[in-house]
Amino acid sequence: NLIKKIGATALRLTHYPQGKYFYELCDRNGLIVWTEIPLVGPGGY
């Protein structure tokens, strides 16, 4: 609902696969999704 309120058209689901229900919500609300595996580097650490 926060994502709909702000008016986003897309989401990046970071930094791991997220819950089953949330993907269903993305489908039903028309969001374009980038979803990823947790192959995460340390960045600046």
All heavy atoms as atom14 arrays in JSON, in Angstrom:
{
  "sequence": "NLIKKIGATALRLTHYPQGKYFYELCDRNGLIVWTEIPLVGPGGY",
  "atom14_mask": [
    [1, 1, 1, 1, 1, 1, 1, 1, 0, 0, 0, 0, 0, 0],
    [1, 1, 1, 1, 1, 1, 1, 1, 0, 0, 0, 0, 0, 0],
    [1, 1, 1, 1, 1, 1, 1, 1, 0, 0, 0, 0, 0, 0],
    [1, 1, 1, 1, 1, 1, 1, 1, 1, 0, 0, 0, 0, 0],
    [1, 1, 1, 1, 1, 1, 1, 1, 1, 0, 0, 0, 0, 0],
    [1, 1, 1, 1, 1, 1, 1, 1, 0, 0, 0, 0, 0, 0],
    [1, 1, 1, 1, 0, 0, 0, 0, 0, 0, 0, 0, 0, 0],
    [1, 1, 1, 1, 1, 0, 0, 0, 0, 0, 0, 0, 0, 0],
    [1, 1, 1, 1, 1, 1, 1, 0, 0, 0, 0, 0, 0, 0],
    [1, 1, 1, 1, 1, 0, 0, 0, 0, 0, 0, 0, 0, 0],
    [1, 1, 1, 1, 1, 1, 1, 1, 0, 0, 0, 0, 0, 0],
    [1, 1, 1, 1, 1, 1, 1, 1, 1, 1, 1, 0, 0, 0],
    [1, 1, 1, 1, 1, 1, 1, 1, 0, 0, 0, 0, 0, 0],
    [1, 1, 1, 1, 1, 1, 1, 0, 0, 0, 0, 0, 0, 0],
    [1, 1, 1, 1, 1, 1, 1, 1, 1, 1, 0, 0, 0, 0],
    [1, 1, 1, 1, 1, 1, 1, 1, 1, 1, 1, 1, 0, 0],
    [1, 1, 1, 1, 1, 1, 1, 0, 0, 0, 0, 0, 0, 0],
    [1, 1, 1, 1, 1, 1, 1, 1, 1, 0, 0, 0, 0, 0],
    [1, 1, 1, 1, 0, 0, 0, 0, 0, 0, 0, 0, 0, 0],
    [1, 1, 1, 1, 1, 1, 1, 1, 1, 0, 0, 0, 0, 0],
    [1, 1, 1, 1, 1, 1, 1, 1, 1, 1, 1, 1, 0, 0],
    [1, 1, 1, 1, 1, 1, 1, 1, 1, 1, 1, 0, 0, 0],
    [1, 1, 1, 1, 1, 1, 1, 1, 1, 1, 1, 1, 0, 0],
    [1, 1, 1, 1, 1, 1, 1, 1, 1, 0, 0, 0, 0, 0],
    [1, 1, 1, 1, 1, 1, 1, 1, 0, 0, 0, 0, 0, 0],
    [1, 1, 1, 1, 1, 1, 0, 0, 0, 0, 0, 0, 0, 0],
    [1, 1, 1, 1, 1, 1, 1, 1, 0, 0, 0, 0, 0, 0],
    [1, 1, 1, 1, 1, 1, 1, 1, 1, 1, 1, 0, 0, 0],
    [1, 1, 1, 1, 1, 1, 1, 1, 0, 0, 0, 0, 0, 0],
    [1, 1, 1, 1, 0, 0, 0, 0, 0, 0, 0, 0, 0, 0],
    [1, 1, 1, 1, 1, 1, 1, 1, 0, 0, 0, 0, 0, 0],
    [1, 1, 1, 1, 1, 1, 1, 1, 0, 0, 0, 0, 0, 0],
    [1, 1, 1, 1, 1, 1, 1, 0, 0, 0, 0, 0, 0, 0],
    [1, 1, 1, 1, 1, 1, 1, 1, 1, 1, 1, 1, 1, 1],
    [1, 1, 1, 1, 1, 1, 1, 0, 0, 0, 0, 0, 0, 0],
    [1, 1, 1, 1, 1, 1, 1, 1, 1, 0, 0, 0, 0, 0],
    [1, 1, 1, 1, 1, 1, 1, 1, 0, 0, 0, 0, 0, 0],
    [1, 1, 1, 1, 1, 1, 1, 0, 0, 0, 0, 0, 0, 0],
    [1, 1, 1, 1, 1, 1, 1, 1, 0, 0, 0, 0, 0, 0],
    [1, 1, 1, 1, 1, 1, 1, 0, 0, 0, 0, 0, 0, 0],
    [1, 1, 1, 1, 0, 0, 0, 0, 0, 0, 0, 0, 0, 0],
    [1, 1, 1, 1, 1, 1, 1, 0, 0, 0, 0, 0, 0, 0],
    [1, 1, 1, 1, 0, 0, 0, 0, 0, 0, 0, 0, 0, 0],
    [1, 1, 1, 1, 0, 0, 0, 0, 0, 0, 0, 0, 0, 0],
    [1, 1, 1, 1, 1, 1, 1, 1, 1, 1, 1, 1, 0, 0]
  ],
  "atom14_positions": [
    [[0.83, -1.21, 0.0], [0.0, 0.0, 0.0], [0.86, 1.26, 0.0], [0.5, 2.26, -0.63], [-0.95, -0.01, 1.19], [-2.09, -0.99, 1.02], [-2.5, -1.28, -0.11], [-2.61, -1.52, 2.11], [0.0, 0.0, 0.0], [0.0, 0.0, 0.0], [0.0, 0.0, 0.0], [0.0, 0.0, 0.0], [0.0, 0.0, 0.0], [0.0, 0.0, 0.0]],
    [[2.0, 1.22, 0.69], [2.93, 2.35, 0.63], [3.49, 2.5, -0.78], [3.62, 3.62, -1.29], [4.07, 2.14, 1.63], [3.74, 2.34, 3.1], [4.84, 1.76, 3.99], [3.54, 3.83, 3.41], [0.0, 0.0, 0.0], [0.0, 0.0, 0.0], [0.0, 0.0, 0.0], [0.0, 0.0, 0.0], [0.0, 0.0, 0.0], [0.0, 0.0, 0.0]],
    [[3.8, 1.39, -1.41], [4.35, 1.42, -2.77], [3.31, 1.96, -3.75], [3.63, 2.74, -4.65], [4.84, 0.01, -3.15], [6.07, -0.37, -2.3], [5.16, -0.08, -4.63], [6.34, -1.85, -2.23], [0.0, 0.0, 0.0], [0.0, 0.0, 0.0], [0.0, 0.0, 0.0], [0.0, 0.0, 0.0], [0.0, 0.0, 0.0], [0.0, 0.0, 0.0]],
    [[2.07, 1.56, -3.59], [1.0, 2.1, -4.43], [0.8, 3.59, -4.17], [0.6, 4.37, -5.11], [-0.3, 1.34, -4.15], [-0.31, -0.08, -4.64], [-1.48, -0.87, -4.08], [-2.83, -0.3, -4.45], [-3.93, -1.13, -3.92], [0.0, 0.0, 0.0], [0.0, 0.0, 0.0], [0.0, 0.0, 0.0], [0.0, 0.0, 0.0], [0.0, 0.0, 0.0]],
    [[0.87, 3.98, -2.91], [0.65, 5.38, -2.56], [1.7, 6.29, -3.16], [1.39, 7.39, -3.64], [0.65, 5.52, -1.03], [0.36, 6.92, -0.5], [0.34, 6.92, 1.02], [0.07, 8.32, 1.57], [0.06, 8.33, 3.06], [0.0, 0.0, 0.0], [0.0, 0.0, 0.0], [0.0, 0.0, 0.0], [0.0, 0.0, 0.0], [0.0, 0.0, 0.0]],
    [[2.95, 5.85, -3.18], [4.01, 6.69, -3.72], [3.95, 6.77, -5.24], [4.46, 7.72, -5.85], [5.4, 6.2, -3.25], [6.43, 7.33, -3.34], [5.85, 4.99, -4.02], [7.78, 6.99, -2.76], [0.0, 0.0, 0.0], [0.0, 0.0, 0.0], [0.0, 0.0, 0.0], [0.0, 0.0, 0.0], [0.0, 0.0, 0.0], [0.0, 0.0, 0.0]],
    [[3.32, 5.77, -5.87], [3.17, 5.81, -7.32], [4.25, 5.09, -8.09], [4.46, 5.36, -9.28], [0.0, 0.0, 0.0], [0.0, 0.0, 0.0], [0.0, 0.0, 0.0], [0.0, 0.0, 0.0], [0.0, 0.0, 0.0], [0.0, 0.0, 0.0], [0.0, 0.0, 0.0], [0.0, 0.0, 0.0], [0.0, 0.0, 0.0], [0.0, 0.0, 0.0]],
    [[4.95, 4.15, -7.46], [6.01, 3.41, -8.15], [5.43, 2.57, -9.28], [4.3, 2.06, -9.19], [6.75, 2.51, -7.16], [0.0, 0.0, 0.0], [0.0, 0.0, 0.0], [0.0, 0.0, 0.0], [0.0, 0.0, 0.0], [0.0, 0.0, 0.0], [0.0, 0.0, 0.0], [0.0, 0.0, 0.0], [0.0, 0.0, 0.0], [0.0, 0.0, 0.0]],
    [[6.2, 2.41, -10.33], [5.84, 1.5, -11.41], [6.66, 0.21, -11.35], [6.34, -0.76, -12.03], [6.07, 2.14, -12.79], [7.45, 2.49, -12.92], [5.2, 3.38, -12.95], [0.0, 0.0, 0.0], [0.0, 0.0, 0.0], [0.0, 0.0, 0.0], [0.0, 0.0, 0.0], [0.0, 0.0, 0.0], [0.0, 0.0, 0.0], [0.0, 0.0, 0.0]],
    [[7.74, 0.23, -10.55], [8.66, -0.91, -10.53], [9.21, -1.11, -9.12], [9.21, -0.19, -8.3], [9.8, -0.7, -11.52], [0.0, 0.0, 0.0], [0.0, 0.0, 0.0], [0.0, 0.0, 0.0], [0.0, 0.0, 0.0], [0.0, 0.0, 0.0], [0.0, 0.0, 0.0], [0.0, 0.0, 0.0], [0.0, 0.0, 0.0], [0.0, 0.0, 0.0]],
    [[9.7, -2.32, -8.87], [10.34, -2.65, -7.59], [11.58, -3.48, -7.85], [11.61, -4.32, -8.76], [9.41, -3.48, -6.69], [8.23, -2.78, -6.04], [7.43, -3.81, -5.25], [8.68, -1.66, -5.14], [0.0, 0.0, 0.0], [0.0, 0.0, 0.0], [0.0, 0.0, 0.0], [0.0, 0.0, 0.0], [0.0, 0.0, 0.0], [0.0, 0.0, 0.0]],
    [[12.57, -3.23, -7.04], [13.72, -4.14, -6.97], [13.64, -4.84, -5.61], [13.74, -4.19, -4.55], [15.04, -3.39, -7.1], [16.25, -4.32, -7.03], [17.56, -3.57, -7.13], [18.67, -4.47, -6.87], [19.79, -4.12, -6.24], [19.97, -2.87, -5.82], [20.74, -5.01, -6.04], [0.0, 0.0, 0.0], [0.0, 0.0, 0.0], [0.0, 0.0, 0.0]],
    [[13.43, -6.15, -5.62], [13.28, -6.92, -4.39], [14.65, -7.39, -3.96], [15.23, -8.3, -4.55], [12.3, -8.08, -4.6], [10.9, -7.65, -5.04], [9.98, -8.85, -5.16], [10.31, -6.61, -4.1], [0.0, 0.0, 0.0], [0.0, 0.0, 0.0], [0.0, 0.0, 0.0], [0.0, 0.0, 0.0], [0.0, 0.0, 0.0], [0.0, 0.0, 0.0]],
    [[15.17, -6.74, -2.94], [16.57, -6.92, -2.54], [16.66, -7.64, -1.21], [15.77, -7.51, -0.38], [17.24, -5.55, -2.4], [16.4, -4.73, -1.59], [17.4, -4.86, -3.73], [0.0, 0.0, 0.0], [0.0, 0.0, 0.0], [0.0, 0.0, 0.0], [0.0, 0.0, 0.0], [0.0, 0.0, 0.0], [0.0, 0.0, 0.0], [0.0, 0.0, 0.0]],
    [[17.78, -8.29, -1.01], [18.8, -8.8, -1.92], [18.68, -10.31, -1.97], [19.67, -11.03, -1.93], [20.21, -8.43, -1.42], [20.55, -6.97, -1.51], [20.57, -6.29, -2.7], [20.87, -6.08, -0.55], [20.9, -5.03, -2.47], [21.09, -4.87, -1.18], [0.0, 0.0, 0.0], [0.0, 0.0, 0.0], [0.0, 0.0, 0.0], [0.0, 0.0, 0.0]],
    [[17.44, -10.77, -2.06], [17.14, -12.2, -1.95], [15.72, -12.42, -2.43], [14.9, -11.48, -2.49], [17.26, -12.66, -0.49], [16.73, -11.64, 0.49], [15.35, -11.47, 0.68], [17.58, -10.79, 1.18], [14.85, -10.51, 1.55], [17.09, -9.82, 2.05], [15.73, -9.69, 2.22], [15.23, -8.73, 3.07], [0.0, 0.0, 0.0], [0.0, 0.0, 0.0]],
    [[15.36, -13.65, -2.78], [13.97, -13.95, -3.11], [13.06, -13.63, -1.92], [13.41, -13.92, -0.77], [13.99, -15.45, -3.41], [15.4, -15.74, -3.79], [16.24, -14.81, -2.96], [0.0, 0.0, 0.0], [0.0, 0.0, 0.0], [0.0, 0.0, 0.0], [0.0, 0.0, 0.0], [0.0, 0.0, 0.0], [0.0, 0.0, 0.0], [0.0, 0.0, 0.0]],
    [[11.91, -13.05, -2.2], [11.02, -12.63, -1.11], [9.8, -13.54, -1.05], [9.69, -14.51, -1.78], [10.7, -11.16, -1.26], [11.99, -10.35, -1.28], [11.85, -8.88, -0.94], [10.78, -8.36, -0.65], [12.98, -8.18, -0.98], [0.0, 0.0, 0.0], [0.0, 0.0, 0.0], [0.0, 0.0, 0.0], [0.0, 0.0, 0.0], [0.0, 0.0, 0.0]],
    [[8.9, -13.25, -0.11], [7.81, -14.16, 0.19], [6.84, -14.35, -0.96], [6.6, -13.45, -1.76], [0.0, 0.0, 0.0], [0.0, 0.0, 0.0], [0.0, 0.0, 0.0], [0.0, 0.0, 0.0], [0.0, 0.0, 0.0], [0.0, 0.0, 0.0], [0.0, 0.0, 0.0], [0.0, 0.0, 0.0], [0.0, 0.0, 0.0], [0.0, 0.0, 0.0]],
    [[6.25, -15.53, -1.02], [5.33, -15.91, -2.09], [4.18, -14.92, -2.24], [3.84, -14.5, -3.36], [4.79, -17.32, -1.78], [3.81, -17.87, -2.78], [3.36, -19.26, -2.34], [2.34, -19.83, -3.32], [1.85, -21.17, -2.86], [0.0, 0.0, 0.0], [0.0, 0.0, 0.0], [0.0, 0.0, 0.0], [0.0, 0.0, 0.0], [0.0, 0.0, 0.0]],
    [[3.6, -14.51, -1.15], [2.44, -13.62, -1.19], [2.81, -12.26, -1.78], [2.01, -11.64, -2.49], [1.86, -13.46, 0.21], [0.7, -12.51, 0.33], [-0.46, -12.71, -0.41], [0.76, -11.42, 1.18], [-1.54, -11.84, -0.29], [-0.31, -10.54, 1.31], [-1.45, -10.76, 0.57], [-2.51, -9.89, 0.68], [0.0, 0.0, 0.0], [0.0, 0.0, 0.0]],
    [[4.04, -11.8, -1.53], [4.4, -10.48, -2.02], [4.51, -10.46, -3.54], [4.15, -9.48, -4.18], [5.71, -10.0, -1.38], [5.89, -8.51, -1.5], [5.2, -7.65, -0.65], [6.72, -7.97, -2.46], [5.34, -6.28, -0.76], [6.88, -6.6, -2.57], [6.18, -5.75, -1.72], [0.0, 0.0, 0.0], [0.0, 0.0, 0.0], [0.0, 0.0, 0.0]],
    [[5.0, -11.54, -4.13], [5.03, -11.62, -5.59], [3.6, -11.58, -6.16], [3.35, -10.96, -7.2], [5.72, -12.89, -6.05], [7.22, -12.9, -5.82], [7.79, -13.72, -4.85], [8.08, -12.11, -6.6], [9.17, -13.74, -4.64], [9.45, -12.13, -6.39], [9.99, -12.94, -5.41], [11.35, -12.95, -5.2], [0.0, 0.0, 0.0], [0.0, 0.0, 0.0]],
    [[2.67, -12.24, -5.48], [1.27, -12.19, -5.92], [0.74, -10.76, -5.86], [0.0, -10.32, -6.76], [0.43, -13.12, -5.05], [0.78, -14.59, -5.21], [0.11, -15.48, -4.18], [-0.63, -14.94, -3.32], [0.33, -16.7, -4.2], [0.0, 0.0, 0.0], [0.0, 0.0, 0.0], [0.0, 0.0, 0.0], [0.0, 0.0, 0.0], [0.0, 0.0, 0.0]],
    [[1.1, -10.03, -4.81], [0.67, -8.64, -4.71], [1.24, -7.79, -5.84], [0.57, -6.9, -6.37], [1.09, -8.05, -3.36], [0.38, -8.59, -2.12], [0.98, -7.99, -0.86], [-1.12, -8.29, -2.18], [0.0, 0.0, 0.0], [0.0, 0.0, 0.0], [0.0, 0.0, 0.0], [0.0, 0.0, 0.0], [0.0, 0.0, 0.0], [0.0, 0.0, 0.0]],
    [[2.49, -8.07, -6.22], [3.1, -7.33, -7.33], [2.34, -7.6, -8.63], [2.1, -6.68, -9.42], [4.56, -7.71, -7.47], [5.6, -7.14, -6.11], [0.0, 0.0, 0.0], [0.0, 0.0, 0.0], [0.0, 0.0, 0.0], [0.0, 0.0, 0.0], [0.0, 0.0, 0.0], [0.0, 0.0, 0.0], [0.0, 0.0, 0.0], [0.0, 0.0, 0.0]],
    [[1.97, -8.87, -8.86], [1.17, -9.2, -10.05], [-0.13, -8.42, -10.06], [-0.51, -7.82, -11.08], [0.83, -10.7, -10.06], [2.03, -11.59, -10.28], [3.06, -11.1, -10.75], [1.92, -12.79, -9.95], [0.0, 0.0, 0.0], [0.0, 0.0, 0.0], [0.0, 0.0, 0.0], [0.0, 0.0, 0.0], [0.0, 0.0, 0.0], [0.0, 0.0, 0.0]],
    [[-0.83, -8.45, -8.95], [-2.18, -7.87, -8.9], [-2.17, -6.35, -8.95], [-3.19, -5.75, -9.29], [-2.88, -8.36, -7.62], [-3.12, -9.87, -7.62], [-3.49, -10.39, -6.26], [-3.46, -11.86, -6.24], [-3.52, -12.61, -5.15], [-3.62, -12.01, -3.96], [-3.47, -13.91, -5.22], [0.0, 0.0, 0.0], [0.0, 0.0, 0.0], [0.0, 0.0, 0.0]],
    [[-1.04, -5.76, -8.62], [-0.95, -4.3, -8.63], [-0.14, -3.75, -9.8], [0.12, -2.55, -9.86], [-0.36, -3.81, -7.31], [-1.35, -3.97, -6.16], [-2.27, -3.17, -6.01], [-1.17, -5.01, -5.37], [0.0, 0.0, 0.0], [0.0, 0.0, 0.0], [0.0, 0.0, 0.0], [0.0, 0.0, 0.0], [0.0, 0.0, 0.0], [0.0, 0.0, 0.0]],
    [[0.26, -4.62, -10.71], [0.86, -4.17, -11.95], [2.26, -3.61, -11.83], [2.66, -2.76, -12.63], [0.0, 0.0, 0.0], [0.0, 0.0, 0.0], [0.0, 0.0, 0.0], [0.0, 0.0, 0.0], [0.0, 0.0, 0.0], [0.0, 0.0, 0.0], [0.0, 0.0, 0.0], [0.0, 0.0, 0.0], [0.0, 0.0, 0.0], [0.0, 0.0, 0.0]],
    [[3.05, -4.09, -10.88], [4.41, -3.6, -10.71], [5.39, -4.43, -11.52], [5.25, -5.66, -11.63], [4.8, -3.65, -9.23], [3.98, -2.71, -8.33], [4.11, -3.12, -6.88], [4.4, -1.27, -8.53], [0.0, 0.0, 0.0], [0.0, 0.0, 0.0], [0.0, 0.0, 0.0], [0.0, 0.0, 0.0], [0.0, 0.0, 0.0], [0.0, 0.0, 0.0]],
    [[6.37, -3.78, -12.12], [7.43, -4.47, -12.84], [8.53, -4.81, -11.83], [9.01, -3.93, -11.11], [8.01, -3.6, -13.97], [6.9, -3.16, -14.93], [9.12, -4.34, -14.71], [6.21, -4.28, -15.65], [0.0, 0.0, 0.0], [0.0, 0.0, 0.0], [0.0, 0.0, 0.0], [0.0, 0.0, 0.0], [0.0, 0.0, 0.0], [0.0, 0.0, 0.0]],
    [[8.93, -6.07, -11.76], [9.77, -6.56, -10.67], [11.12, -7.05, -11.17], [11.21, -7.77, -12.17], [9.05, -7.68, -9.9], [9.99, -8.37, -8.91], [7.84, -7.11, -9.16], [0.0, 0.0, 0.0], [0.0, 0.0, 0.0], [0.0, 0.0, 0.0], [0.0, 0.0, 0.0], [0.0, 0.0, 0.0], [0.0, 0.0, 0.0], [0.0, 0.0, 0.0]],
    [[12.14, -6.63, -10.44], [13.5, -7.19, -10.52], [13.68, -7.96, -9.22], [13.56, -7.42, -8.13], [14.49, -6.05, -10.66], [15.94, -6.3, -10.33], [16.51, -7.37, -9.71], [17.03, -5.39, -10.59], [17.86, -7.21, -9.57], [18.21, -6.0, -10.1], [17.12, -4.13, -11.17], [19.46, -5.37, -10.18], [18.36, -3.52, -11.25], [19.52, -4.13, -10.77]],
    [[13.92, -9.26, -9.33], [14.15, -10.08, -8.14], [15.46, -10.83, -8.31], [15.84, -11.18, -9.43], [12.97, -11.03, -7.88], [13.15, -11.71, -6.63], [12.8, -12.05, -9.0], [0.0, 0.0, 0.0], [0.0, 0.0, 0.0], [0.0, 0.0, 0.0], [0.0, 0.0, 0.0], [0.0, 0.0, 0.0], [0.0, 0.0, 0.0], [0.0, 0.0, 0.0]],
    [[16.15, -11.1, -7.21], [17.53, -11.55, -7.32], [17.9, -12.58, -6.27], [17.18, -12.77, -5.28], [18.47, -10.34, -7.2], [18.35, -9.6, -5.89], [18.97, -8.2, -5.96], [18.87, -7.54, -7.01], [19.53, -7.76, -4.95], [0.0, 0.0, 0.0], [0.0, 0.0, 0.0], [0.0, 0.0, 0.0], [0.0, 0.0, 0.0], [0.0, 0.0, 0.0]],
    [[19.02, -13.25, -6.51], [19.55, -14.2, -5.54], [20.49, -13.47, -4.58], [21.0, -12.39, -4.89], [20.28, -15.37, -6.24], [21.51, -14.88, -7.01], [19.32, -16.12, -7.15], [22.36, -16.0, -7.57], [0.0, 0.0, 0.0], [0.0, 0.0, 0.0], [0.0, 0.0, 0.0], [0.0, 0.0, 0.0], [0.0, 0.0, 0.0], [0.0, 0.0, 0.0]],
    [[20.75, -14.04, -3.4], [21.58, -13.35, -2.39], [23.09, -13.51, -2.61], [23.84, -13.75, -1.67], [21.13, -13.99, -1.07], [20.66, -15.34, -1.44], [20.08, -15.23, -2.82], [0.0, 0.0, 0.0], [0.0, 0.0, 0.0], [0.0, 0.0, 0.0], [0.0, 0.0, 0.0], [0.0, 0.0, 0.0], [0.0, 0.0, 0.0], [0.0, 0.0, 0.0]],
    [[23.52, -13.35, -3.87], [24.95, -13.31, -4.16], [25.37, -11.85, -3.97], [25.41, -11.06, -4.91], [25.22, -13.8, -5.57], [26.69, -13.9, -6.02], [27.52, -14.69, -5.02], [26.79, -14.49, -7.41], [0.0, 0.0, 0.0], [0.0, 0.0, 0.0], [0.0, 0.0, 0.0], [0.0, 0.0, 0.0], [0.0, 0.0, 0.0], [0.0, 0.0, 0.0]],
    [[25.67, -11.52, -2.72], [25.83, -10.13, -2.3], [27.27, -9.88, -1.87], [27.8, -10.59, -1.01], [24.88, -9.79, -1.13], [25.0, -8.32, -0.75], [23.44, -10.13, -1.51], [0.0, 0.0, 0.0], [0.0, 0.0, 0.0], [0.0, 0.0, 0.0], [0.0, 0.0, 0.0], [0.0, 0.0, 0.0], [0.0, 0.0, 0.0], [0.0, 0.0, 0.0]],
    [[27.89, -8.88, -2.47], [29.24, -8.51, -2.09], [29.26, -7.54, -0.93], [28.22, -7.02, -0.51], [0.0, 0.0, 0.0], [0.0, 0.0, 0.0], [0.0, 0.0, 0.0], [0.0, 0.0, 0.0], [0.0, 0.0, 0.0], [0.0, 0.0, 0.0], [0.0, 0.0, 0.0], [0.0, 0.0, 0.0], [0.0, 0.0, 0.0], [0.0, 0.0, 0.0]],
    [[30.44, -7.24, -0.44], [30.55, -6.35, 0.72], [30.46, -4.88, 0.36], [30.43, -4.03, 1.25], [31.93, -6.7, 1.29], [32.72, -7.11, 0.08], [31.75, -7.8, -0.82], [0.0, 0.0, 0.0], [0.0, 0.0, 0.0], [0.0, 0.0, 0.0], [0.0, 0.0, 0.0], [0.0, 0.0, 0.0], [0.0, 0.0, 0.0], [0.0, 0.0, 0.0]],
    [[30.43, -4.55, -0.94], [30.38, -3.14, -1.31], [31.57, -2.39, -0.74], [32.72, -2.76, -0.96], [0.0, 0.0, 0.0], [0.0, 0.0, 0.0], [0.0, 0.0, 0.0], [0.0, 0.0, 0.0], [0.0, 0.0, 0.0], [0.0, 0.0, 0.0], [0.0, 0.0, 0.0], [0.0, 0.0, 0.0], [0.0, 0.0, 0.0], [0.0, 0.0, 0.0]],
    [[31.28, -1.37, 0.04], [32.36, -0.59, 0.65], [32.91, -1.18, 1.92], [33.73, -0.54, 2.6], [0.0, 0.0, 0.0], [0.0, 0.0, 0.0], [0.0, 0.0, 0.0], [0.0, 0.0, 0.0], [0.0, 0.0, 0.0], [0.0, 0.0, 0.0], [0.0, 0.0, 0.0], [0.0, 0.0, 0.0], [0.0, 0.0, 0.0], [0.0, 0.0, 0.0]],
    [[32.5, -2.38, 2.28], [32.95, -3.01, 3.52], [33.98, -4.1, 3.21], [34.38, -4.3, 2.07], [31.75, -3.56, 4.29], [30.76, -2.49, 4.66], [29.63, -2.25, 3.88], [30.97, -1.67, 5.77], [28.74, -1.25, 4.2], [30.08, -0.67, 6.1], [28.97, -0.47, 5.32], [28.08, 0.53, 5.63], [0.0, 0.0, 0.0], [0.0, 0.0, 0.0]]
  ]
}
